[in-house]
C-alpha atoms as a PDB file:
ATOM      1  CA  MET A   1      -8.148   0.094   6.990  1.00  0.00           C
ATOM      2  CA  HIS A   2      -5.044  -1.154   5.176  1.00  0.00           C
ATOM      3  CA  HIS A   3      -4.896  -4.374   7.178  1.00  0.00           C
ATOM      4  CA  LEU A   4      -8.592  -4.978   6.668  1.00  0.00           C
ATOM      5  CA  VAL A   5      -8.154  -4.627   2.893  1.00  0.00           C
ATOM      6  CA  GLY A   6      -5.105  -6.933   3.024  1.00  0.00           C
ATOM      7  CA  ILE A   7      -7.003  -9.573   4.986  1.00  0.00           C
ATOM      8  CA  LEU A   8      -9.913  -9.371   2.550  1.00  0.00           C
ATOM      9  CA  GLY A   9      -7.427  -9.750  -0.314  1.00  0.00           C
ATOM     10  CA  ALA A  10      -5.905 -12.847   1.253  1.00  0.00           C
ATOM     11  CA  ALA A  11      -9.367 -14.312   1.809  1.00  0.00           C
ATOM     12  CA  ALA A  12     -10.299 -13.563  -1.806  1.00  0.00           C
ATOM     13  CA  VAL A  13      -7.188 -15.384  -3.003  1.00  0.00           C
ATOM     14  CA  MET A  14      -8.171 -18.433  -0.964  1.00  0.00           C
ATOM     15  CA  VAL A  15     -11.787 -18.375  -2.178  1.00  0.00           C
ATOM     16  CA  CYS A  16     -11.114 -17.466  -5.823  1.00  0.00           C
ATOM     17  CA  GLY A  17      -7.809 -19.157  -6.551  1.00  0.00           C
ATOM     18  CA  ARG A  18      -7.967 -18.399 -10.270  1.00  0.00           C
ATOM     19  CA  PHE A  19      -7.516 -14.672  -9.573  1.00  0.00           C
ATOM     20  CA  ASN A  20      -4.423 -15.262  -7.483  1.00  0.00           C
ATOM     21  CA  VAL A  21      -2.118 -13.601 -10.031  1.00  0.00           C
ATOM     22  CA  ALA A  22      -4.001 -10.294 -10.130  1.00  0.00           C
ATOM     23  CA  LEU A  23      -4.327 -10.050  -6.359  1.00  0.00           C
ATOM     24  CA  SER A  24      -0.707 -11.033  -5.803  1.00  0.00           C
ATOM     25  CA  ALA A  25       0.407  -8.371  -8.278  1.00  0.00           C
ATOM     26  CA  GLY A  26      -1.754  -5.854  -6.445  1.00  0.00           C
ATOM     27  CA  ASN A  27      -0.172  -6.796  -3.124  1.00  0.00           C
ATOM     28  CA  LEU A  28       3.284  -6.453  -4.671  1.00  0.00           C
ATOM     29  CA  MET A  29       2.361  -2.989  -5.937  1.00  0.00           C
ATOM     30  CA  SER A  30       1.236  -2.008  -2.453  1.00  0.00           C
ATOM     31  CA  GLU A  31       4.677  -2.815  -1.054  1.00  0.00           C
ATOM     32  CA  TRP A  32       6.316  -0.064  -3.114  1.00  0.00           C
ATOM     33  CA  THR A  33       5.088   2.465  -0.541  1.00  0.00           C
ATOM     34  CA  SER A  34       7.535   0.900   1.906  1.00  0.00           C
ATOM     35  CA  PHE A  35      10.415   2.849   0.343  1.00  0.00           C
ATOM     36  CA  PRO A  36       9.183   6.335   1.330  1.00  0.00           C
ATOM     37  CA  MET A  37       7.910   4.932   4.640  1.00  0.00           C
ATOM     38  CA  ASN A  38      11.387   3.637   5.520  1.00  0.00           C
ATOM     39  CA  HIS A  39      13.043   6.837   4.301  1.00  0.00           C
ATOM     40  CA  ARG A  40      10.683   8.903   6.453  1.00  0.00           C
ATOM     41  CA  TRP A  41      11.478   6.717   9.466  1.00  0.00           C
ATOM     42  CA  ARG A  42      15.217   7.184   8.903  1.00  0.00           C
ATOM     43  CA  MET A  43      14.791  10.944   8.644  1.00  0.00           C
ATOM     44  CA  ILE A  44      12.927  10.946  11.969  1.00  0.00           C
ATOM     45  CA  LYS A  45      15.605   8.793  13.630  1.00  0.00           C
ATOM     46  CA  HIS A  46      18.408  11.030  12.350  1.00  0.00           C
ATOM     47  CA  LYS A  47      16.535  14.158  13.460  1.00  0.00           C
ATOM     48  CA  MET A  48      16.154  15.519   9.934  1.00  0.00           C
ATOM     49  CA  THR A  49      12.540  16.616  10.341  1.00  0.00           C
ATOM     50  CA  ASP A  50      13.500  20.288   9.944  1.00  0.00           C
ATOM     51  CA  SER A  51      14.616  19.655   6.377  1.00  0.00           C
ATOM     52  CA  PRO A  52      12.191  20.621   3.603  1.00  0.00           C
ATOM     53  CA  TRP A  53      12.847  17.165   2.110  1.00  0.00           C
ATOM     54  CA  TYR A  54      11.125  15.605   5.110  1.00  0.00           C
ATOM     55  CA  MET A  55       7.785  17.070   4.045  1.00  0.00           C
ATOM     56  CA  VAL A  56       8.379  15.927   0.458  1.00  0.00           C
ATOM     57  CA  VAL A  57       9.108  12.348   1.568  1.00  0.00           C
ATOM     58  CA  ASN A  58       6.207  12.470   4.023  1.00  0.00           C
ATOM     59  CA  GLY A  59       3.847  13.650   1.260  1.00  0.00           C
ATOM     60  CA  ILE A  60       5.027  10.935  -1.137  1.00  0.00           C
ATOM     61  CA  PHE A  61       4.474   8.332   1.559  1.00  0.00           C
ATOM     62  CA  PHE A  62       1.045   9.646   2.554  1.00  0.00           C
ATOM     63  CA  PHE A  63      -0.401   9.957  -0.938  1.00  0.00           C
ATOM     64  CA  GLY A  64       1.252   6.742  -2.122  1.00  0.00           C
ATOM     65  CA  TYR A  65      -0.121   4.872   0.873  1.00  0.00           C
ATOM     66  CA  LEU A  66      -3.579   6.358   0.459  1.00  0.00           C
ATOM     67  CA  PHE A  67      -3.779   5.663  -3.270  1.00  0.00           C
ATOM     68  CA  VAL A  68      -2.071   2.282  -3.519  1.00  0.00           C
ATOM     69  CA  ARG A  69      -2.824   0.560  -0.230  1.00  0.00           C
ATOM     70  CA  VAL A  70      -6.310   1.882   0.422  1.00  0.00           C
ATOM     71  CA  ILE A  71      -7.976   3.000  -2.819  1.00  0.00           C
ATOM     72  CA  PHE A  72      -6.230   0.757  -5.384  1.00  0.00           C
ATOM     73  CA  MET A  73      -6.436  -2.383  -3.262  1.00  0.00           C
ATOM     74  CA  ALA A  74     -10.117  -1.736  -2.457  1.00  0.00           C
ATOM     75  CA  LEU A  75     -10.877  -1.287  -6.172  1.00  0.00           C
ATOM     76  CA  LEU A  76      -8.925  -4.441  -6.986  1.00  0.00           C
ATOM     77  CA  LEU A  77     -10.957  -6.392  -4.443  1.00  0.00           C
ATOM     78  CA  LEU A  78     -14.193  -4.917  -5.752  1.00  0.00           C
ATOM     79  CA  ARG A  79     -13.262  -5.864  -9.303  1.00  0.00           C
ATOM     80  CA  ASN A  80     -12.365  -9.369  -8.145  1.00  0.00           C
ATOM     81  CA  TYR A  81     -15.806  -9.848  -6.612  1.00  0.00           C
ATOM     82  CA  GLN A  82     -17.538  -8.430  -9.696  1.00  0.00           C
ATOM     83  CA  ILE A  83     -15.914 -11.019 -11.933  1.00  0.00           C
END
């Protein structure tokens, strides 16, 4: 779903060039979920999944990914098409 929304965002930027700034800012915001994703990956690689912090980092990644990359980006695309 995330890649589909990203591809639609890139297509919207090409079609509606004047909204490039808003969509680019939205894509930049979506990259902030990479921090907990990378931290979660490192915890898995270093076998730290028994730590209670693993579930905290995993939750931050999951909800951040769901909100920013799926819901927020879909709403941003919808708003772009409404304008």
